[in-house]
Protein backbone atom coordinates (compact mmCIF):
# COMPACT_ATOMS: atom_id res chain seq x y z
CA UNK A 1 -38.26 21.25 70.00
CA UNK A 2 -37.01 24.57 71.25
CA UNK A 3 -36.15 27.33 68.82
CA UNK A 4 -32.65 27.52 70.28
CA UNK A 5 -32.06 23.78 69.62
CA UNK A 6 -33.34 24.16 66.08
CA UNK A 7 -30.85 26.90 65.38
CA UNK A 8 -27.97 24.71 66.60
CA UNK A 9 -29.11 21.56 64.67
CA UNK A 10 -29.46 23.20 61.22
CA UNK A 11 -25.78 24.15 60.85
CA UNK A 12 -24.81 20.67 62.03
CA UNK A 13 -27.00 18.96 59.43
CA UNK A 14 -25.56 21.17 56.66
CA UNK A 15 -22.01 20.35 57.79
CA UNK A 16 -22.73 16.59 57.74
CA UNK A 17 -24.32 16.84 54.27
CA UNK A 18 -21.34 18.86 52.93
CA UNK A 19 -18.69 16.43 54.13
CA UNK A 20 -20.75 13.42 53.06
CA UNK A 21 -21.03 14.71 49.52
CA UNK A 22 -17.38 15.80 49.31
CA UNK A 23 -16.17 12.52 50.81
CA UNK A 24 -18.18 10.45 48.42
CA UNK A 25 -16.85 12.46 45.45
CA UNK A 26 -13.30 12.12 46.70
CA UNK A 27 -13.54 8.33 47.16
CA UNK A 28 -15.07 7.89 43.76
CA UNK A 29 -12.32 9.85 42.00
CA UNK A 30 -9.54 8.23 44.01
CA UNK A 31 -10.37 4.75 42.75
CA UNK A 32 -10.70 5.54 39.06
CA UNK A 33 -7.95 3.90 37.03
CA UNK A 34 -5.07 6.16 35.94
CA UNK A 35 -4.47 4.17 32.68
CA UNK A 36 -7.08 5.06 30.10
CA UNK A 37 -8.40 2.34 27.75
CA UNK A 38 -9.98 4.96 25.53
CA UNK A 39 -13.29 4.44 27.20
CA UNK A 40 -15.46 6.98 28.98
CA UNK A 41 -16.06 6.49 32.71
CA UNK A 42 -18.46 5.13 33.76
CA UNK A 43 -19.05 2.71 30.80
CA UNK A 44 -21.94 3.72 28.56
CA UNK A 45 -24.82 1.35 27.99
CA UNK A 46 -25.11 -0.06 25.47
CA UNK A 47 -21.46 0.00 24.59
CA UNK A 48 -21.84 -0.30 20.81
CA UNK A 49 -24.64 1.65 19.08
CA UNK A 50 -24.81 2.88 15.52
CA UNK A 51 -27.52 5.47 16.41
CA UNK A 52 -28.75 7.40 19.41
CA UNK A 53 -31.50 4.95 20.17
CA UNK A 54 -30.91 1.75 22.26
CA UNK A 55 -30.58 -1.25 19.92
CA UNK A 56 -33.43 -3.73 19.83
CA UNK A 57 -31.12 -6.57 18.77
CA UNK A 58 -27.70 -7.74 19.88
CA UNK A 59 -24.87 -5.17 19.68
CA UNK A 60 -23.18 -7.13 16.83
CA UNK A 61 -26.26 -7.26 14.61
CA UNK A 62 -25.12 -4.25 12.58
CA UNK A 63 -21.87 -6.03 11.65
CA UNK A 64 -23.54 -8.99 9.98
CA UNK A 65 -23.34 -9.67 6.23
CA UNK A 66 -26.12 -11.47 4.33
CA UNK A 67 -24.78 -14.10 1.91
CA UNK A 68 -27.36 -15.48 -0.60
CA UNK A 69 -27.20 -19.24 -0.79
CA UNK A 70 -30.26 -19.77 -2.99
CA UNK A 71 -33.15 -17.70 -4.35
CA UNK A 72 -35.34 -18.39 -1.35
CA UNK A 73 -32.72 -18.92 1.39
CA UNK A 74 -30.49 -16.35 2.99
CA UNK A 75 -27.79 -17.23 5.58
CA UNK A 76 -26.49 -14.51 7.83
CA UNK A 77 -22.75 -14.77 8.55
CA UNK A 78 -20.99 -12.30 10.89
CA UNK A 79 -18.44 -10.25 8.99
CA UNK A 80 -16.07 -10.71 11.84
CA UNK A 81 -16.02 -14.48 11.27
CA UNK A 82 -15.41 -13.89 7.51
CA UNK A 83 -12.48 -11.59 8.26
CA UNK A 84 -10.96 -14.03 10.76
CA UNK A 85 -11.33 -16.93 8.31
CA UNK A 86 -9.82 -14.96 5.41
CA UNK A 87 -6.87 -13.91 7.53
CA UNK A 88 -6.36 -17.42 8.88
CA UNK A 89 -6.16 -18.99 5.47
CA UNK A 90 -4.04 -16.23 3.94
CA UNK A 91 -1.49 -15.39 6.67
CA UNK A 92 0.66 -18.52 6.23
CA UNK A 93 1.44 -17.42 2.66
CA UNK A 94 2.53 -13.87 3.70
CA UNK A 95 6.24 -13.33 4.29
CA UNK A 96 8.55 -10.58 5.48
CA UNK A 97 11.39 -9.64 3.15
CA UNK A 98 14.53 -8.36 4.79
CA UNK A 99 16.93 -6.35 2.65
CA UNK A 100 20.64 -6.40 3.53
CA UNK A 101 23.59 -4.77 1.88
CA UNK A 102 27.33 -4.34 2.40
CA UNK A 103 27.89 -0.87 3.84
CA UNK A 104 31.30 0.73 4.25
CA UNK A 105 31.88 2.88 7.28
CA UNK A 106 34.90 4.90 8.46
CA UNK A 107 35.88 5.31 12.16
CA UNK A 108 38.67 7.12 13.93
CA UNK A 109 39.55 6.58 17.61
CA UNK A 110 40.41 9.37 20.02
CA UNK A 111 38.35 12.23 18.59
CA UNK A 112 35.84 12.03 21.40
CA UNK A 113 37.13 13.47 24.68
CA UNK A 114 35.27 10.79 26.69
CA UNK A 115 36.61 7.88 24.64
CA UNK A 116 39.16 6.79 27.22
CA UNK A 117 37.16 7.77 30.34
CA UNK A 118 36.61 4.59 32.48
CA UNK A 119 33.34 6.01 33.86
CA UNK A 120 31.78 6.39 30.45
CA UNK A 121 33.13 3.10 29.15
CA UNK A 122 31.61 1.37 32.14
CA UNK A 123 28.16 2.13 30.67
CA UNK A 124 28.87 2.37 26.95
CA UNK A 125 31.79 -0.09 26.48
CA UNK A 126 34.07 0.02 23.47
CA UNK A 127 31.27 0.72 21.00
CA UNK A 128 31.33 3.05 18.00
CA UNK A 129 29.59 5.62 20.13
CA UNK A 130 33.06 7.05 20.76
CA UNK A 131 34.23 6.87 17.26
CA UNK A 132 34.14 9.84 14.83
CA UNK A 133 33.94 9.17 11.03
CA UNK A 134 37.16 10.25 9.35
CA UNK A 135 37.65 8.87 5.84
CA UNK A 136 41.23 10.28 5.66
CA UNK A 137 42.67 8.75 8.84
CA UNK A 138 40.66 5.55 9.34
CA UNK A 139 40.66 2.18 7.64
CA UNK A 140 37.23 1.47 5.97
CA UNK A 141 35.16 -1.28 7.56
CA UNK A 142 32.59 -3.13 5.43
CA UNK A 143 29.69 -4.76 7.16
CA UNK A 144 26.52 -6.48 6.01
CA UNK A 145 23.64 -4.42 7.36
CA UNK A 146 19.89 -4.47 7.19
CA UNK A 147 18.89 -1.50 5.04
CA UNK A 148 15.20 -2.11 4.62
CA UNK A 149 12.24 -4.43 4.94
CA UNK A 150 9.01 -5.16 3.00
CA UNK A 151 6.38 -7.84 2.51
CA UNK A 152 5.46 -10.39 -0.04
CA UNK A 153 3.28 -13.48 -0.54
CA UNK A 154 3.57 -16.92 -2.21
CA UNK A 155 1.52 -17.60 -5.31
CA UNK A 156 3.00 -21.07 -6.08
CA UNK A 157 3.91 -23.87 -3.67
CA UNK A 158 7.40 -24.13 -5.16
CA UNK A 159 8.50 -20.75 -3.88
CA UNK A 160 7.42 -18.03 -6.41
CA UNK A 161 6.36 -14.92 -4.55
CA UNK A 162 5.12 -11.42 -5.34
CA UNK A 163 6.35 -8.11 -3.89
CA UNK A 164 6.92 -4.49 -4.99
CA UNK A 165 9.69 -3.48 -7.33
CA UNK A 166 10.80 -0.77 -4.91
CA UNK A 167 11.37 -3.55 -2.32
CA UNK A 168 13.61 -5.58 -4.65
CA UNK A 169 15.13 -3.11 -7.08
CA UNK A 170 18.67 -3.01 -5.77
CA UNK A 171 20.95 -5.36 -7.65
CA UNK A 172 23.67 -5.03 -5.00
CA UNK A 173 21.39 -6.02 -2.10
CA UNK A 174 20.60 -9.44 -0.71
CA UNK A 175 17.03 -10.55 0.08
CA UNK A 176 15.94 -12.86 2.89
CA UNK A 177 12.44 -14.20 3.16
CA UNK A 178 11.10 -14.71 6.69
CA UNK A 179 8.26 -17.24 6.71
CA UNK A 180 5.25 -17.16 8.97
CA UNK A 181 6.95 -19.87 11.04
CA UNK A 182 10.02 -17.66 11.58
CA UNK A 183 12.27 -19.70 9.23
CA UNK A 184 14.60 -17.61 7.05
CA UNK A 185 15.36 -18.43 3.39
CA UNK A 186 17.55 -16.58 0.81
CA UNK A 187 15.58 -15.22 -2.15
CA UNK A 188 16.50 -14.49 -5.73
CA UNK A 189 14.98 -11.67 -7.73
CA UNK A 190 13.44 -13.45 -10.68
CA UNK A 191 11.93 -10.50 -12.57
CA UNK A 192 10.82 -6.87 -12.20
CA UNK A 193 8.06 -5.17 -14.09
CA UNK A 194 9.30 -2.19 -16.18
CA UNK A 195 5.85 -0.66 -16.14
CA UNK A 196 4.51 -1.25 -12.65
CA UNK A 197 5.83 -1.42 -9.13
CA UNK A 198 5.87 -5.21 -9.10
CA UNK A 199 8.55 -7.89 -8.76
CA UNK A 200 8.76 -11.70 -8.61
CA UNK A 201 11.13 -13.44 -6.15
CA UNK A 202 11.98 -17.09 -5.90
CA UNK A 203 13.09 -19.20 -2.96
CA UNK A 204 14.18 -22.85 -3.05
CA UNK A 205 11.82 -25.35 -1.59
CA UNK A 206 8.36 -26.90 -1.88
CA UNK A 207 5.08 -27.13 -0.08
CA UNK A 208 4.78 -23.39 0.66
CA UNK A 209 1.34 -22.05 1.63
CA UNK A 210 -0.15 -19.94 -1.23
CA UNK A 211 -2.82 -17.32 -1.82
CA UNK A 212 -5.14 -17.31 -4.81
CA UNK A 213 -5.11 -14.31 -7.12
CA UNK A 214 -8.67 -12.98 -7.46
CA UNK A 215 -10.21 -10.93 -10.33
CA UNK A 216 -9.45 -7.27 -9.46
CA UNK A 217 -11.79 -6.11 -12.29
CA UNK A 218 -14.79 -7.25 -10.18
CA UNK A 219 -14.06 -5.32 -6.99
CA UNK A 220 -16.44 -2.53 -5.99
CA UNK A 221 -16.16 0.70 -4.09
CA UNK A 222 -17.36 0.03 -0.50
CA UNK A 223 -16.24 -3.66 -0.56
CA UNK A 224 -14.44 -4.83 2.57
CA UNK A 225 -10.72 -5.54 2.14
CA UNK A 226 -7.94 -6.66 4.44
CA UNK A 227 -4.25 -5.68 4.27
CA UNK A 228 -1.57 -8.03 5.63
CA UNK A 229 2.10 -7.20 5.87
CA UNK A 230 5.31 -6.55 7.77
CA UNK A 231 4.34 -3.25 9.38
CA UNK A 232 7.28 -0.83 10.02
CA UNK A 233 9.64 -3.76 9.13
CA UNK A 234 9.09 -5.10 12.68
CA UNK A 235 5.54 -6.41 13.20
CA UNK A 236 5.14 -9.45 10.98
CA UNK A 237 1.66 -10.36 9.61
CA UNK A 238 -0.01 -7.20 10.86
CA UNK A 239 -3.65 -7.18 9.79
CA UNK A 240 -5.77 -4.08 9.09
CA UNK A 241 -9.30 -3.91 7.67
CA UNK A 242 -11.10 -1.31 5.63
CA UNK A 243 -13.00 -0.81 2.42
CA UNK A 244 -12.21 -0.06 -1.23
CA UNK A 245 -12.35 3.79 -1.18
CA UNK A 246 -11.70 4.42 -4.90
CA UNK A 247 -10.78 2.77 -8.16
CA UNK A 248 -8.69 3.61 -11.22
CA UNK A 249 -6.57 6.21 -9.35
CA UNK A 250 -3.43 7.62 -10.96
CA UNK A 251 -0.62 8.48 -8.48
CA UNK A 252 3.08 9.34 -8.46
CA UNK A 253 4.72 7.34 -5.74
CA UNK A 254 8.32 7.58 -4.62
CA UNK A 255 10.85 7.24 -1.84
CA UNK A 256 14.50 6.26 -1.25
CA UNK A 257 15.53 7.33 -4.77
CA UNK A 258 12.55 5.55 -6.43
CA UNK A 259 9.70 7.31 -8.18
CA UNK A 260 7.09 6.04 -10.56
CA UNK A 261 3.67 6.98 -11.96
CA UNK A 262 1.18 4.26 -11.24
CA UNK A 263 -2.11 4.03 -13.11
CA UNK A 264 -5.36 2.22 -12.36
CA UNK A 265 -4.49 1.65 -8.70
CA UNK A 266 -6.97 0.74 -5.94
CA UNK A 267 -7.48 3.22 -3.09
CA UNK A 268 -8.31 1.84 0.36
CA UNK A 269 -8.74 3.10 3.86
CA UNK A 270 -7.23 -0.09 5.32
CA UNK A 271 -4.10 1.14 7.10
CA UNK A 272 -0.98 0.49 5.04
CA UNK A 273 2.23 1.32 6.96
CA UNK A 274 5.86 1.42 5.88
CA UNK A 275 6.97 -2.19 5.56
CA UNK A 276 3.53 -3.29 4.23
CA UNK A 277 4.85 -2.77 0.69
CA UNK A 278 4.38 -5.91 -1.37
CA UNK A 279 1.88 -7.50 0.99
CA UNK A 280 -1.53 -8.68 -0.23
CA UNK A 281 -4.83 -6.79 -0.13
CA UNK A 282 -7.43 -9.55 0.14
CA UNK A 283 -11.23 -9.82 0.00
CA UNK A 284 -13.44 -11.69 2.47
CA UNK A 285 -12.93 -14.84 0.38
CA UNK A 286 -9.16 -14.72 1.10
CA UNK A 287 -8.30 -13.92 -2.55
CA UNK A 288 -5.76 -11.28 -3.44
CA UNK A 289 -7.33 -8.30 -5.15
CA UNK A 290 -4.31 -6.00 -4.86
CA UNK A 291 -0.66 -5.59 -3.89
CA UNK A 292 -0.13 -2.93 -1.22
CA UNK A 293 2.15 -0.29 -2.70
CA UNK A 294 1.92 3.21 -1.28
CA UNK A 295 0.40 5.50 1.34
CA UNK A 296 -0.35 9.18 1.15
CA UNK A 297 1.42 10.73 4.12
CA UNK A 298 -0.57 13.99 3.73
CA UNK A 299 -3.87 12.42 4.64
CA UNK A 300 -5.49 9.87 6.89
CA UNK A 301 -6.28 6.35 5.63
CA UNK A 302 -5.15 6.93 2.06
CA UNK A 303 -3.52 3.70 0.92
CA UNK A 304 -3.02 2.39 -2.57
CA UNK A 305 -2.65 -1.09 -4.10
CA UNK A 306 -1.89 -2.35 -7.57
CA UNK A 307 -4.60 -4.57 -9.08
CA UNK A 308 -4.07 -8.35 -8.87
CA UNK A 309 -4.78 -8.75 -12.59
CA UNK A 310 -1.45 -6.97 -13.26
CA UNK A 311 0.23 -9.67 -11.29
CA UNK A 312 -1.44 -12.34 -13.40
CA UNK A 313 -0.11 -10.65 -16.58
CA UNK A 314 3.40 -10.49 -15.07
CA UNK A 315 3.41 -14.17 -14.17
CA UNK A 316 2.16 -15.24 -17.57
CA UNK A 317 4.85 -13.08 -19.23
CA UNK A 318 7.62 -14.62 -17.11
CA UNK A 319 6.40 -18.16 -17.79
CA UNK A 320 6.27 -17.44 -21.58
CA UNK A 321 9.32 -15.23 -22.10
CA UNK A 322 11.43 -15.77 -18.99
CA UNK A 323 11.05 -12.09 -18.15
CA UNK A 324 8.38 -9.40 -17.82
CA UNK A 325 7.40 -8.24 -21.37
CA UNK A 326 4.84 -5.49 -21.87
CA UNK A 327 2.96 -4.35 -24.95
CA UNK A 328 4.34 -1.19 -26.61
CA UNK A 329 2.76 1.46 -28.75
CA UNK A 330 5.80 3.76 -28.81
CA UNK A 331 4.42 7.18 -27.98
CA UNK A 332 5.20 9.79 -25.36
CA UNK A 333 2.21 11.87 -24.39
CA UNK A 334 0.62 14.19 -21.90
CA UNK A 335 -3.10 14.58 -21.03
CA UNK A 336 -4.88 17.52 -22.63
CA UNK A 337 -6.63 19.77 -20.08
CA UNK A 338 -8.81 22.90 -20.48
CA UNK A 339 -5.86 25.05 -19.42
CA UNK A 340 -3.49 23.36 -21.98
CA UNK A 341 -6.16 23.82 -24.66
CA UNK A 342 -6.55 27.50 -23.97
CA UNK A 343 -2.79 28.23 -23.74
CA UNK A 344 -2.00 26.41 -27.07
CA UNK A 345 -5.26 26.91 -29.01
CA UNK A 346 -5.88 23.20 -29.21
CA UNK A 347 -9.21 21.95 -30.71
CA UNK A 348 -10.02 19.61 -27.82
CA UNK A 349 -9.87 19.81 -24.04
CA UNK A 350 -9.41 16.06 -23.59
CA UNK A 351 -7.25 13.33 -25.16
CA UNK A 352 -3.54 12.62 -25.11
CA UNK A 353 -1.15 15.04 -26.83
CA UNK A 354 1.86 13.36 -28.41
CA UNK A 355 4.91 15.36 -27.22
CA UNK A 356 8.68 15.21 -26.73
CA UNK A 357 10.15 14.71 -23.29
CA UNK A 358 12.21 17.14 -21.30
CA UNK A 359 15.47 15.83 -22.81
CA UNK A 360 16.44 16.00 -26.52
CA UNK A 361 16.68 12.23 -26.73
CA UNK A 362 13.11 11.71 -25.40
CA UNK A 363 11.23 11.68 -28.73
CA UNK A 364 7.47 11.86 -28.96
CA UNK A 365 7.37 8.92 -31.33
CA UNK A 366 9.89 6.06 -30.95
CA UNK A 367 11.43 5.31 -34.40
CA UNK A 368 10.36 1.89 -35.71
CA UNK A 369 7.63 1.52 -33.07
CA UNK A 370 4.02 0.50 -33.94
CA UNK A 371 2.98 4.19 -33.53
CA UNK A 372 5.70 5.25 -35.97
CA UNK A 373 4.70 2.66 -38.51
CA UNK A 374 1.06 3.67 -38.22
CA UNK A 375 1.93 7.31 -39.09
CA UNK A 376 1.39 9.03 -35.76
CA UNK A 377 3.29 12.26 -35.39
CA UNK A 378 4.24 14.68 -32.60
CA UNK A 379 1.43 17.17 -31.74
CA UNK A 380 -1.22 14.64 -32.80
CA UNK A 381 -4.05 14.23 -30.24
CA UNK A 382 -5.16 10.69 -29.46
CA UNK A 383 -8.84 11.18 -28.55
CA UNK A 384 -9.98 7.67 -27.96
CA UNK A 385 -8.54 4.16 -27.45
CA UNK A 386 -10.79 1.12 -28.10
CA UNK A 387 -13.83 3.39 -28.06
CA UNK A 388 -13.00 4.90 -24.66
CA UNK A 389 -12.59 8.69 -24.34
CA UNK A 390 -9.15 9.51 -22.95
CA UNK A 391 -9.06 11.90 -19.99
CA UNK A 392 -7.15 12.52 -16.80
CA UNK A 393 -9.28 9.76 -15.22
CA UNK A 394 -8.83 7.41 -18.25
CA UNK A 395 -5.26 7.56 -19.42
CA UNK A 396 -3.94 5.83 -22.54
CA UNK A 397 -1.28 4.08 -20.46
CA UNK A 398 -4.07 2.46 -18.34
CA UNK A 399 -5.57 0.86 -21.40
CA UNK A 400 -2.21 -0.24 -22.86
CA UNK A 401 -1.08 -1.87 -19.58
CA UNK A 402 -3.91 -4.35 -19.95
CA UNK A 403 -2.70 -5.38 -23.42
CA UNK A 404 -0.25 -8.11 -24.42
CA UNK A 405 2.31 -8.01 -27.24
CA UNK A 406 0.54 -8.85 -30.50
CA UNK A 407 -2.79 -7.39 -29.29
CA UNK A 408 -4.47 -4.64 -31.35
CA UNK A 409 -5.56 -1.19 -30.18
CA UNK A 410 -7.93 1.08 -32.16
CA UNK A 411 -7.19 4.79 -31.81
CA UNK A 412 -9.15 7.87 -32.84
CA UNK A 413 -6.49 10.53 -33.61
CA UNK A 414 -6.64 14.18 -34.51
CA UNK A 415 -3.95 14.93 -37.08
CA UNK A 416 -3.55 18.49 -38.45
CA UNK A 417 -7.28 19.18 -38.59
CA UNK A 418 -8.48 15.72 -39.58
CA UNK A 419 -9.76 12.93 -37.25
CA UNK A 420 -8.65 9.45 -38.30
CA UNK A 421 -9.32 6.05 -36.90
CA UNK A 422 -6.41 3.68 -37.05
CA UNK A 423 -5.93 0.10 -35.70
CA UNK A 424 -2.36 -0.71 -34.48
CA UNK A 425 -0.78 -4.05 -33.61
CA UNK A 426 1.35 -3.63 -30.50
CA UNK A 427 4.87 -5.05 -30.16
CA UNK A 428 6.90 -5.52 -26.96
CA UNK A 429 9.60 -3.91 -24.89
């Protein structure tokens, strides 16, 4: 081959190589999908892996749960199957609760410059889009409107269901239960809990699917839980899964004019959205361990549920008294902290200080209450209740909420330099 031919061939080969590489790159990118599924391209192999090494077993092996059947036998059941089974047996008992109320509105015609324009009315019609509220010139119009939505679940086949108090706390509202089948039934508010964000509703009928109330005292941090509810008031029986992230939390929850301090609540990272309020938090056995109540908007995956054992107490109370009756000690208190101790020269940096409220009628000791009869006074410090040291993490109210009228509570109390132990019989309110 001549040197002259070699010199002509080399640029040609480079040109072919360049366009071949560029063309291949162009074709490859041109046929990638524009809609992303949240996956990288091309697909990684293996798709699921809990570590950087390739798995030696099937990709779902890490999601299995070992259930002990006998001392010498262990059966491995996929957690996915357990979740599907729990949801399948629980979902028929979960309902949506639609809240409606008569709302008065005022409209006045002619205030909008486009109200009589045929072009605009061709697209918008004679709707209230063109009306301007004017209470002085217009006749009021009262309409029944949907003002909110929540969730609930049946606990008896004859129509008794549980929800949150903040879902059913408006005496002027009407409540409609939407079953899993889509059927709608009017509901009556049977009782609300004065101490917790819980309520009982009743619908007429029989043969309703139910969920079993589990023992919320036995749940553990890290345990898998499932939340079911009417997410955003629109997506019925939405299911989310997570774990128990914390126990015995104390929070102040509020919204739409409702605010309440809640003690001993369950924290979970299972997504709880607006509209999930009142729905069940279930375990892998399909038992209710909590009632979904609140979500912390300032963080990710911070949801809260009231323990199922509080529901059991509420139901027992309604069956016995016809209403929710709670045990009463009759004290108003605030937790003692290190800062409070230093600022007021208190002898302890823990316990519950008996104090007045912000208003003059909010006494520290309710006259005639069990605390009054036992000789407790304002500025006493309740150090222990039933042998448990009282702190910010263990409030007196948390212990009292588990009591029934007629139960006894033993308190260790600091009173003007002396520590006394007193046993008090609780009454009711």
